[in-house]
Amino acid sequence: AQVVAVVAHELGHWKHGHFYKAMGMFQ
């Protein structure tokens, strides 16, 4: 159950587009 909660946190990064935002900030 705790592993699933951690994965839910990682899905939050995906849903909020954090990868794209981080790459844009980096550029």
PDB file of all heavy atoms in Angstrom:
ATOM      1  N   ALA A   1       0.827  -1.210   0.000  1.00  0.00           N
ATOM      2  CA  ALA A   1       0.000   0.000   0.000  1.00  0.00           C
ATOM      3  C   ALA A   1       0.863   1.263   0.000  1.00  0.00           C
ATOM      4  O   ALA A   1       0.510   2.280  -0.626  1.00  0.00           O
ATOM      5  CB  ALA A   1      -0.929  -0.003   1.210  1.00  0.00           C
ATOM      6  N   GLN A   2       2.000   1.175   0.678  1.00  0.00           N
ATOM      7  CA  GLN A   2       2.893   2.338   0.731  1.00  0.00           C
ATOM      8  C   GLN A   2       3.620   2.538  -0.603  1.00  0.00           C
ATOM      9  O   GLN A   2       3.850   3.668  -1.031  1.00  0.00           O
ATOM     10  CB  GLN A   2       3.885   2.158   1.874  1.00  0.00           C
ATOM     11  CG  GLN A   2       3.219   2.107   3.240  1.00  0.00           C
ATOM     12  CD  GLN A   2       3.972   1.255   4.232  1.00  0.00           C
ATOM     13  OE1 GLN A   2       5.152   0.950   4.057  1.00  0.00           O
ATOM     14  NE2 GLN A   2       3.285   0.842   5.301  1.00  0.00           N
ATOM     15  N   VAL A   3       3.964   1.428  -1.269  1.00  0.00           N
ATOM     16  CA  VAL A   3       4.579   1.517  -2.600  1.00  0.00           C
ATOM     17  C   VAL A   3       3.609   2.175  -3.567  1.00  0.00           C
ATOM     18  O   VAL A   3       3.990   3.050  -4.364  1.00  0.00           O
ATOM     19  CB  VAL A   3       4.987   0.120  -3.111  1.00  0.00           C
ATOM     20  CG1 VAL A   3       5.469   0.208  -4.555  1.00  0.00           C
ATOM     21  CG2 VAL A   3       6.062  -0.484  -2.232  1.00  0.00           C
ATOM     22  N   VAL A   4       2.357   1.795  -3.504  1.00  0.00           N
ATOM     23  CA  VAL A   4       1.340   2.381  -4.378  1.00  0.00           C
ATOM     24  C   VAL A   4       1.209   3.884  -4.106  1.00  0.00           C
ATOM     25  O   VAL A   4       1.055   4.689  -5.039  1.00  0.00           O
ATOM     26  CB  VAL A   4      -0.014   1.669  -4.184  1.00  0.00           C
ATOM     27  CG1 VAL A   4      -1.099   2.339  -5.020  1.00  0.00           C
ATOM     28  CG2 VAL A   4       0.109   0.200  -4.564  1.00  0.00           C
ATOM     29  N   ALA A   5       1.306   4.283  -2.840  1.00  0.00           N
ATOM     30  CA  ALA A   5       1.230   5.705  -2.493  1.00  0.00           C
ATOM     31  C   ALA A   5       2.400   6.483  -3.094  1.00  0.00           C
ATOM     32  O   ALA A   5       2.238   7.611  -3.571  1.00  0.00           O
ATOM     33  CB  ALA A   5       1.208   5.868  -0.975  1.00  0.00           C
ATOM     34  N   VAL A   6       3.593   5.871  -3.071  1.00  0.00           N
ATOM     35  CA  VAL A   6       4.766   6.510  -3.679  1.00  0.00           C
ATOM     36  C   VAL A   6       4.572   6.652  -5.189  1.00  0.00           C
ATOM     37  O   VAL A   6       4.898   7.693  -5.778  1.00  0.00           O
ATOM     38  CB  VAL A   6       6.043   5.708  -3.364  1.00  0.00           C
ATOM     39  CG1 VAL A   6       7.225   6.243  -4.162  1.00  0.00           C
ATOM     40  CG2 VAL A   6       6.346   5.760  -1.873  1.00  0.00           C
ATOM     41  N   VAL A   7       4.025   5.622  -5.821  1.00  0.00           N
ATOM     42  CA  VAL A   7       3.758   5.687  -7.263  1.00  0.00           C
ATOM     43  C   VAL A   7       2.714   6.770  -7.547  1.00  0.00           C
ATOM     44  O   VAL A   7       2.805   7.488  -8.557  1.00  0.00           O
ATOM     45  CB  VAL A   7       3.304   4.318  -7.802  1.00  0.00           C
ATOM     46  CG1 VAL A   7       2.873   4.423  -9.259  1.00  0.00           C
ATOM     47  CG2 VAL A   7       4.429   3.291  -7.654  1.00  0.00           C
ATOM     48  N   ALA A   8       1.720   6.915  -6.667  1.00  0.00           N
ATOM     49  CA  ALA A   8       0.729   7.984  -6.822  1.00  0.00           C
ATOM     50  C   ALA A   8       1.407   9.355  -6.782  1.00  0.00           C
ATOM     51  O   ALA A   8       1.048  10.272  -7.540  1.00  0.00           O
ATOM     52  CB  ALA A   8      -0.323   7.881  -5.722  1.00  0.00           C
ATOM     53  N   HIS A   9       2.390   9.490  -5.910  1.00  0.00           N
ATOM     54  CA  HIS A   9       3.178  10.735  -5.864  1.00  0.00           C
ATOM     55  C   HIS A   9       3.893  10.977  -7.198  1.00  0.00           C
ATOM     56  O   HIS A   9       3.866  12.095  -7.734  1.00  0.00           O
ATOM     57  CB  HIS A   9       4.191  10.649  -4.721  1.00  0.00           C
ATOM     58  CG  HIS A   9       5.236  11.711  -4.746  1.00  0.00           C
ATOM     59  ND1 HIS A   9       5.103  12.921  -4.111  1.00  0.00           N
ATOM     60  CD2 HIS A   9       6.463  11.752  -5.365  1.00  0.00           C
ATOM     61  CE1 HIS A   9       6.179  13.654  -4.317  1.00  0.00           C
ATOM     62  NE2 HIS A   9       7.021  12.964  -5.076  1.00  0.00           N
ATOM     63  N   GLU A  10       4.512   9.923  -7.748  1.00  0.00           N
ATOM     64  CA  GLU A  10       5.212  10.065  -9.028  1.00  0.00           C
ATOM     65  C   GLU A  10       4.236  10.397 -10.156  1.00  0.00           C
ATOM     66  O   GLU A  10       4.560  11.155 -11.076  1.00  0.00           O
ATOM     67  CB  GLU A  10       5.992   8.792  -9.361  1.00  0.00           C
ATOM     68  CG  GLU A  10       7.076   8.437  -8.365  1.00  0.00           C
ATOM     69  CD  GLU A  10       8.054   9.568  -8.127  1.00  0.00           C
ATOM     70  OE1 GLU A  10       8.354  10.304  -9.098  1.00  0.00           O
ATOM     71  OE2 GLU A  10       8.521   9.728  -6.985  1.00  0.00           O
ATOM     72  N   LEU A  11       3.032   9.834 -10.095  1.00  0.00           N
ATOM     73  CA  LEU A  11       2.010  10.171 -11.091  1.00  0.00           C
ATOM     74  C   LEU A  11       1.609  11.638 -10.981  1.00  0.00           C
ATOM     75  O   LEU A  11       1.192  12.247 -11.974  1.00  0.00           O
ATOM     76  CB  LEU A  11       0.790   9.265 -10.901  1.00  0.00           C
ATOM     77  CG  LEU A  11       0.965   7.814 -11.388  1.00  0.00           C
ATOM     78  CD1 LEU A  11      -0.188   6.945 -10.901  1.00  0.00           C
ATOM     79  CD2 LEU A  11       1.073   7.775 -12.899  1.00  0.00           C
ATOM     80  N   GLY A  12       1.737  12.188  -9.772  1.00  0.00           N
ATOM     81  CA  GLY A  12       1.481  13.617  -9.601  1.00  0.00           C
ATOM     82  C   GLY A  12       2.457  14.456 -10.407  1.00  0.00           C
ATOM     83  O   GLY A  12       2.087  15.482 -10.997  1.00  0.00           O
ATOM     84  N   HIS A  13       3.721  14.031 -10.458  1.00  0.00           N
ATOM     85  CA  HIS A  13       4.701  14.733 -11.287  1.00  0.00           C
ATOM     86  C   HIS A  13       4.280  14.685 -12.753  1.00  0.00           C
ATOM     87  O   HIS A  13       4.421  15.666 -13.488  1.00  0.00           O
ATOM     88  CB  HIS A  13       6.086  14.083 -11.117  1.00  0.00           C
ATOM     89  CG  HIS A  13       6.727  14.357  -9.801  1.00  0.00           C
ATOM     90  ND1 HIS A  13       6.943  15.633  -9.321  1.00  0.00           N
ATOM     91  CD2 HIS A  13       7.234  13.517  -8.850  1.00  0.00           C
ATOM     92  CE1 HIS A  13       7.538  15.578  -8.148  1.00  0.00           C
ATOM     93  NE2 HIS A  13       7.724  14.300  -7.828  1.00  0.00           N
ATOM     94  N   TRP A  14       3.766  13.523 -13.178  1.00  0.00           N
ATOM     95  CA  TRP A  14       3.343  13.376 -14.570  1.00  0.00           C
ATOM     96  C   TRP A  14       2.107  14.239 -14.860  1.00  0.00           C
ATOM     97  O   TRP A  14       2.078  14.971 -15.854  1.00  0.00           O
ATOM     98  CB  TRP A  14       3.032  11.901 -14.854  1.00  0.00           C
ATOM     99  CG  TRP A  14       2.340  11.665 -16.154  1.00  0.00           C
ATOM    100  CD1 TRP A  14       2.817  11.912 -17.402  1.00  0.00           C
ATOM    101  CD2 TRP A  14       1.013  11.135 -16.326  1.00  0.00           C
ATOM    102  NE1 TRP A  14       1.884  11.577 -18.350  1.00  0.00           N
ATOM    103  CE2 TRP A  14       0.771  11.085 -17.715  1.00  0.00           C
ATOM    104  CE3 TRP A  14       0.026  10.691 -15.445  1.00  0.00           C
ATOM    105  CZ2 TRP A  14      -0.435  10.619 -18.239  1.00  0.00           C
ATOM    106  CZ3 TRP A  14      -1.161  10.215 -15.957  1.00  0.00           C
ATOM    107  CH2 TRP A  14      -1.387  10.192 -17.337  1.00  0.00           C
ATOM    108  N   LYS A  15       1.105  14.166 -13.994  1.00  0.00           N
ATOM    109  CA  LYS A  15      -0.140  14.899 -14.212  1.00  0.00           C
ATOM    110  C   LYS A  15       0.079  16.407 -14.245  1.00  0.00           C
ATOM    111  O   LYS A  15      -0.571  17.132 -15.002  1.00  0.00           O
ATOM    112  CB  LYS A  15      -1.148  14.555 -13.111  1.00  0.00           C
ATOM    113  CG  LYS A  15      -1.967  13.312 -13.373  1.00  0.00           C
ATOM    114  CD  LYS A  15      -2.926  13.507 -14.547  1.00  0.00           C
ATOM    115  CE  LYS A  15      -3.857  12.312 -14.705  1.00  0.00           C
ATOM    116  NZ  LYS A  15      -4.783  12.504 -15.845  1.00  0.00           N
ATOM    117  N   HIS A  16       1.000  16.887 -13.429  1.00  0.00           N
ATOM    118  CA  HIS A  16       1.265  18.336 -13.369  1.00  0.00           C
ATOM    119  C   HIS A  16       2.298  18.788 -14.408  1.00  0.00           C
ATOM    120  O   HIS A  16       2.660  19.970 -14.440  1.00  0.00           O
ATOM    121  CB  HIS A  16       1.733  18.730 -11.967  1.00  0.00           C
ATOM    122  CG  HIS A  16       0.638  18.736 -10.942  1.00  0.00           C
ATOM    123  ND1 HIS A  16      -0.349  19.698 -10.902  1.00  0.00           N
ATOM    124  CD2 HIS A  16       0.355  17.873  -9.925  1.00  0.00           C
ATOM    125  CE1 HIS A  16      -1.168  19.457  -9.893  1.00  0.00           C
ATOM    126  NE2 HIS A  16      -0.765  18.346  -9.285  1.00  0.00           N
ATOM    127  N   GLY A  17       2.780  17.847 -15.224  1.00  0.00           N
ATOM    128  CA  GLY A  17       3.730  18.227 -16.279  1.00  0.00           C
ATOM    129  C   GLY A  17       5.053  18.728 -15.753  1.00  0.00           C
ATOM    130  O   GLY A  17       5.690  19.589 -16.364  1.00  0.00           O
ATOM    131  N   HIS A  18       5.491  18.189 -14.624  1.00  0.00           N
ATOM    132  CA  HIS A  18       6.722  18.687 -14.012  1.00  0.00           C
ATOM    133  C   HIS A  18       7.949  18.433 -14.879  1.00  0.00           C
ATOM    134  O   HIS A  18       8.902  19.226 -14.853  1.00  0.00           O
ATOM    135  CB  HIS A  18       6.916  18.061 -12.625  1.00  0.00           C
ATOM    136  CG  HIS A  18       5.921  18.547 -11.626  1.00  0.00           C
ATOM    137  ND1 HIS A  18       5.665  17.892 -10.440  1.00  0.00           N
ATOM    138  CD2 HIS A  18       5.109  19.634 -11.643  1.00  0.00           C
ATOM    139  CE1 HIS A  18       4.748  18.557  -9.760  1.00  0.00           C
ATOM    140  NE2 HIS A  18       4.391  19.611 -10.475  1.00  0.00           N
ATOM    141  N   PHE A  19       7.946  17.351 -15.641  1.00  0.00           N
ATOM    142  CA  PHE A  19       9.104  17.080 -16.498  1.00  0.00           C
ATOM    143  C   PHE A  19       9.247  18.173 -17.551  1.00  0.00           C
ATOM    144  O   PHE A  19      10.355  18.698 -17.777  1.00  0.00           O
ATOM    145  CB  PHE A  19       8.949  15.706 -17.160  1.00  0.00           C
ATOM    146  CG  PHE A  19      10.126  15.310 -18.009  1.00  0.00           C
ATOM    147  CD1 PHE A  19      11.256  14.747 -17.445  1.00  0.00           C
ATOM    148  CD2 PHE A  19      10.105  15.514 -19.389  1.00  0.00           C
ATOM    149  CE1 PHE A  19      12.345  14.379 -18.227  1.00  0.00           C
ATOM    150  CE2 PHE A  19      11.189  15.154 -20.175  1.00  0.00           C
ATOM    151  CZ  PHE A  19      12.302  14.588 -19.601  1.00  0.00           C
ATOM    152  N   TYR A  20       8.134  18.539 -18.183  1.00  0.00           N
ATOM    153  CA  TYR A  20       8.177  19.584 -19.205  1.00  0.00           C
ATOM    154  C   TYR A  20       8.553  20.929 -18.592  1.00  0.00           C
ATOM    155  O   TYR A  20       9.338  21.692 -19.169  1.00  0.00           O
ATOM    156  CB  TYR A  20       6.814  19.708 -19.896  1.00  0.00           C
ATOM    157  CG  TYR A  20       6.377  18.471 -20.624  1.00  0.00           C
ATOM    158  CD1 TYR A  20       5.415  17.627 -20.088  1.00  0.00           C
ATOM    159  CD2 TYR A  20       6.932  18.138 -21.867  1.00  0.00           C
ATOM    160  CE1 TYR A  20       5.008  16.487 -20.754  1.00  0.00           C
ATOM    161  CE2 TYR A  20       6.528  17.000 -22.546  1.00  0.00           C
ATOM    162  CZ  TYR A  20       5.572  16.179 -21.978  1.00  0.00           C
ATOM    163  OH  TYR A  20       5.170  15.042 -22.648  1.00  0.00           O
ATOM    164  N   LYS A  21       7.984  21.214 -17.432  1.00  0.00           N
ATOM    165  CA  LYS A  21       8.284  22.488 -16.775  1.00  0.00           C
ATOM    166  C   LYS A  21       9.754  22.567 -16.370  1.00  0.00           C
ATOM    167  O   LYS A  21      10.393  23.615 -16.518  1.00  0.00           O
ATOM    168  CB  LYS A  21       7.385  22.663 -15.549  1.00  0.00           C
ATOM    169  CG  LYS A  21       5.921  22.850 -15.904  1.00  0.00           C
ATOM    170  CD  LYS A  21       5.047  22.861 -14.654  1.00  0.00           C
ATOM    171  CE  LYS A  21       3.564  22.983 -15.032  1.00  0.00           C
ATOM    172  NZ  LYS A  21       2.698  22.915 -13.835  1.00  0.00           N
ATOM    173  N   ALA A  22      10.278  21.438 -15.851  1.00  0.00           N
ATOM    174  CA  ALA A  22      11.692  21.410 -15.459  1.00  0.00           C
ATOM    175  C   ALA A  22      12.595  21.595 -16.667  1.00  0.00           C
ATOM    176  O   ALA A  22      13.599  22.324 -16.609  1.00  0.00           O
ATOM    177  CB  ALA A  22      12.012  20.096 -14.745  1.00  0.00           C
ATOM    178  N   MET A  23      12.245  20.942 -17.781  1.00  0.00           N
ATOM    179  CA  MET A  23      13.049  21.086 -18.990  1.00  0.00           C
ATOM    180  C   MET A  23      12.977  22.511 -19.520  1.00  0.00           C
ATOM    181  O   MET A  23      13.981  23.074 -19.970  1.00  0.00           O
ATOM    182  CB  MET A  23      12.586  20.103 -20.060  1.00  0.00           C
ATOM    183  CG  MET A  23      12.873  18.641 -19.744  1.00  0.00           C
ATOM    184  SD  MET A  23      14.621  18.334 -19.365  1.00  0.00           S
ATOM    185  CE  MET A  23      15.394  18.905 -20.868  1.00  0.00           C
ATOM    186  N   GLY A  24      11.791  23.111 -19.473  1.00  0.00           N
ATOM    187  CA  GLY A  24      11.662  24.505 -19.911  1.00  0.00           C
ATOM    188  C   GLY A  24      12.474  25.444 -19.044  1.00  0.00           C
ATOM    189  O   GLY A  24      13.158  26.350 -19.544  1.00  0.00           O
ATOM    190  N   MET A  25      12.423  25.224 -17.735  1.00  0.00           N
ATOM    191  CA  MET A  25      13.203  26.032 -16.796  1.00  0.00           C
ATOM    192  C   MET A  25      14.697  25.864 -17.058  1.00  0.00           C
ATOM    193  O   MET A  25      15.458  26.843 -17.038  1.00  0.00           O
ATOM    194  CB  MET A  25      12.850  25.609 -15.372  1.00  0.00           C
ATOM    195  CG  MET A  25      13.502  26.408 -14.268  1.00  0.00           C
ATOM    196  SD  MET A  25      12.808  26.004 -12.641  1.00  0.00           S
ATOM    197  CE  MET A  25      13.225  24.259 -12.523  1.00  0.00           C
ATOM    198  N   PHE A  26      15.101  24.637 -17.336  1.00  0.00           N
ATOM    199  CA  PHE A  26      16.507  24.355 -17.625  1.00  0.00           C
ATOM    200  C   PHE A  26      16.955  25.072 -18.897  1.00  0.00           C
ATOM    201  O   PHE A  26      18.056  25.649 -18.957  1.00  0.00           O
ATOM    202  CB  PHE A  26      16.706  22.846 -17.763  1.00  0.00           C
ATOM    203  CG  PHE A  26      18.076  22.446 -18.255  1.00  0.00           C
ATOM    204  CD1 PHE A  26      19.170  22.499 -17.413  1.00  0.00           C
ATOM    205  CD2 PHE A  26      18.261  22.030 -19.564  1.00  0.00           C
ATOM    206  CE1 PHE A  26      20.434  22.144 -17.865  1.00  0.00           C
ATOM    207  CE2 PHE A  26      19.512  21.672 -20.028  1.00  0.00           C
ATOM    208  CZ  PHE A  26      20.604  21.726 -19.184  1.00  0.00           C
ATOM    209  N   GLN A  27      16.109  25.052 -19.919  1.00  0.00           N
ATOM    210  CA  GLN A  27      16.465  25.705 -21.183  1.00  0.00           C
ATOM    211  C   GLN A  27      16.580  27.215 -21.024  1.00  0.00           C
ATOM    212  O   GLN A  27      17.496  27.845 -21.563  1.00  0.00           O
ATOM    213  CB  GLN A  27      15.423  25.372 -22.261  1.00  0.00           C
ATOM    214  CG  GLN A  27      15.404  23.927 -22.700  1.00  0.00           C
ATOM    215  CD  GLN A  27      16.714  23.479 -23.305  1.00  0.00           C
ATOM    216  OE1 GLN A  27      17.399  24.252 -23.966  1.00  0.00           O
ATOM    217  NE2 GLN A  27      17.081  22.223 -23.080  1.00  0.00           N
TER     218      GLN A  27
END
